[in-house]
Amino acid sequence: MLDLLIIALVDDPTPKDTEVKAGPLGFAVWIFMIIAVVIIAFSLVKQLRKAQAAKDAGVYGDEPVQHSEEPDAQGGSGTPGTTATTDER
């Protein structure tokens, strides 16, 4: 049994690096992977925007964010003396 394993390893017809190429199937796989990553990235951005809108609306137990039409001169959130952070709970 060991003799067969040794013969199989010695007679391994592994092609040389110059004899192997991916071909059109390999190219198609790479294109598919690139398209999949782009679709997943767009989906992630969409879900993050929906989550942020829900957080701003107060769905997660946070205070609802009120966007004013005119930002004040200090660049704050509209209420003097308060600053809003993304980690407020």
C-alpha atoms as a PDB file:
ATOM      1  CA  MET A   1       0.000   0.000   0.000  1.00  0.00           C
ATOM      2  CA  LEU A   2       2.825   2.402   0.860  1.00  0.00           C
ATOM      3  CA  ASP A   3       4.499   1.528  -2.435  1.00  0.00           C
ATOM      4  CA  LEU A   4       1.459   2.747  -4.383  1.00  0.00           C
ATOM      5  CA  LEU A   5       1.464   6.041  -2.498  1.00  0.00           C
ATOM      6  CA  ILE A   6       5.140   6.604  -3.208  1.00  0.00           C
ATOM      7  CA  ILE A   7       4.656   5.790  -6.903  1.00  0.00           C
ATOM      8  CA  ALA A   8       1.661   8.148  -7.087  1.00  0.00           C
ATOM      9  CA  LEU A   9       3.688  10.984  -5.556  1.00  0.00           C
ATOM     10  CA  VAL A  10       6.700  10.381  -7.801  1.00  0.00           C
ATOM     11  CA  ASP A  11       4.628  10.164 -11.000  1.00  0.00           C
ATOM     12  CA  ASP A  12       2.629  13.325 -10.197  1.00  0.00           C
ATOM     13  CA  PRO A  13       1.989  14.986 -13.566  1.00  0.00           C
ATOM     14  CA  THR A  14       1.877  18.517 -12.143  1.00  0.00           C
ATOM     15  CA  PRO A  15       2.037  21.043 -14.988  1.00  0.00           C
ATOM     16  CA  LYS A  16       4.687  23.762 -14.982  1.00  0.00           C
ATOM     17  CA  ASP A  17       3.740  27.355 -14.222  1.00  0.00           C
ATOM     18  CA  THR A  18       4.079  28.303 -17.891  1.00  0.00           C
ATOM     19  CA  GLU A  19       1.631  25.578 -18.937  1.00  0.00           C
ATOM     20  CA  VAL A  20      -1.259  26.807 -16.786  1.00  0.00           C
ATOM     21  CA  LYS A  21      -3.556  29.761 -17.437  1.00  0.00           C
ATOM     22  CA  ALA A  22      -6.957  30.694 -16.059  1.00  0.00           C
ATOM     23  CA  GLY A  23      -8.726  31.193 -19.342  1.00  0.00           C
ATOM     24  CA  PRO A  24     -12.164  32.716 -19.891  1.00  0.00           C
ATOM     25  CA  LEU A  25     -13.744  30.886 -16.943  1.00  0.00           C
ATOM     26  CA  GLY A  26     -11.251  32.424 -14.517  1.00  0.00           C
ATOM     27  CA  PHE A  27     -11.877  35.859 -16.026  1.00  0.00           C
ATOM     28  CA  ALA A  28     -15.647  35.390 -15.650  1.00  0.00           C
ATOM     29  CA  VAL A  29     -15.223  34.398 -11.999  1.00  0.00           C
ATOM     30  CA  TRP A  30     -13.205  37.556 -11.280  1.00  0.00           C
ATOM     31  CA  ILE A  31     -15.778  39.768 -13.023  1.00  0.00           C
ATOM     32  CA  PHE A  32     -18.589  38.072 -11.070  1.00  0.00           C
ATOM     33  CA  MET A  33     -16.738  38.661  -7.790  1.00  0.00           C
ATOM     34  CA  ILE A  34     -16.191  42.348  -8.588  1.00  0.00           C
ATOM     35  CA  ILE A  35     -19.876  42.817  -9.452  1.00  0.00           C
ATOM     36  CA  ALA A  36     -20.912  40.996  -6.261  1.00  0.00           C
ATOM     37  CA  VAL A  37     -18.742  43.271  -4.105  1.00  0.00           C
ATOM     38  CA  VAL A  38     -20.195  46.391  -5.754  1.00  0.00           C
ATOM     39  CA  ILE A  39     -23.773  45.170  -5.194  1.00  0.00           C
ATOM     40  CA  ILE A  40     -23.039  44.317  -1.552  1.00  0.00           C
ATOM     41  CA  ALA A  41     -21.438  47.746  -1.013  1.00  0.00           C
ATOM     42  CA  PHE A  42     -24.490  49.553  -2.439  1.00  0.00           C
ATOM     43  CA  SER A  43     -26.773  47.430  -0.260  1.00  0.00           C
ATOM     44  CA  LEU A  44     -24.686  48.226   2.830  1.00  0.00           C
ATOM     45  CA  VAL A  45     -24.895  51.969   2.166  1.00  0.00           C
ATOM     46  CA  LYS A  46     -28.665  51.715   1.675  1.00  0.00           C
ATOM     47  CA  GLN A  47     -29.131  49.812   4.956  1.00  0.00           C
ATOM     48  CA  LEU A  48     -26.909  52.262   6.855  1.00  0.00           C
ATOM     49  CA  ARG A  49     -28.967  55.194   5.538  1.00  0.00           C
ATOM     50  CA  LYS A  50     -32.201  53.464   6.607  1.00  0.00           C
ATOM     51  CA  ALA A  51     -30.779  52.762  10.067  1.00  0.00           C
ATOM     52  CA  GLN A  52     -29.625  56.367  10.460  1.00  0.00           C
ATOM     53  CA  ALA A  53     -33.044  57.672   9.375  1.00  0.00           C
ATOM     54  CA  ALA A  54     -34.741  55.353  11.890  1.00  0.00           C
ATOM     55  CA  LYS A  55     -32.357  56.530  14.627  1.00  0.00           C
ATOM     56  CA  ASP A  56     -33.045  60.164  13.736  1.00  0.00           C
ATOM     57  CA  ALA A  57     -36.789  59.425  13.950  1.00  0.00           C
ATOM     58  CA  GLY A  58     -36.346  57.990  17.448  1.00  0.00           C
ATOM     59  CA  VAL A  59     -37.210  54.391  16.601  1.00  0.00           C
ATOM     60  CA  TYR A  60     -34.388  52.976  18.749  1.00  0.00           C
ATOM     61  CA  GLY A  61     -35.375  54.889  21.885  1.00  0.00           C
ATOM     62  CA  ASP A  62     -33.266  57.965  21.142  1.00  0.00           C
ATOM     63  CA  GLU A  63     -34.613  61.470  21.150  1.00  0.00           C
ATOM     64  CA  PRO A  64     -35.946  62.335  17.676  1.00  0.00           C
ATOM     65  CA  VAL A  65     -33.656  64.701  15.794  1.00  0.00           C
ATOM     66  CA  GLN A  66     -35.294  67.926  14.642  1.00  0.00           C
ATOM     67  CA  HIS A  67     -33.635  69.406  11.594  1.00  0.00           C
ATOM     68  CA  SER A  68     -34.073  73.175  11.435  1.00  0.00           C
ATOM     69  CA  GLU A  69     -34.462  75.027   8.170  1.00  0.00           C
ATOM     70  CA  GLU A  70     -31.763  77.569   9.022  1.00  0.00           C
ATOM     71  CA  PRO A  71     -28.651  76.434  10.882  1.00  0.00           C
ATOM     72  CA  ASP A  72     -27.559  78.886  13.550  1.00  0.00           C
ATOM     73  CA  ALA A  73     -24.441  81.001  13.118  1.00  0.00           C
ATOM     74  CA  GLN A  74     -22.332  78.781  15.416  1.00  0.00           C
ATOM     75  CA  GLY A  75     -22.901  75.670  13.306  1.00  0.00           C
ATOM     76  CA  GLY A  76     -24.657  73.843  16.120  1.00  0.00           C
ATOM     77  CA  SER A  77     -27.810  71.767  16.124  1.00  0.00           C
ATOM     78  CA  GLY A  78     -30.120  74.718  16.640  1.00  0.00           C
ATOM     79  CA  THR A  79     -30.158  74.750  20.452  1.00  0.00           C
ATOM     80  CA  PRO A  80     -27.502  76.997  22.004  1.00  0.00           C
ATOM     81  CA  GLY A  81     -25.147  75.297  24.439  1.00  0.00           C
ATOM     82  CA  THR A  82     -25.841  71.724  23.345  1.00  0.00           C
ATOM     83  CA  THR A  83     -23.902  69.537  21.002  1.00  0.00           C
ATOM     84  CA  ALA A  84     -25.241  66.341  19.517  1.00  0.00           C
ATOM     85  CA  THR A  85     -22.996  63.317  19.143  1.00  0.00           C
ATOM     86  CA  THR A  86     -23.622  60.052  17.408  1.00  0.00           C
ATOM     87  CA  ASP A  87     -23.095  58.124  20.660  1.00  0.00           C
ATOM     88  CA  GLU A  88     -25.789  59.878  22.709  1.00  0.00           C
ATOM     89  CA  ARG A  89     -28.166  57.418  24.275  1.00  0.00           C
END
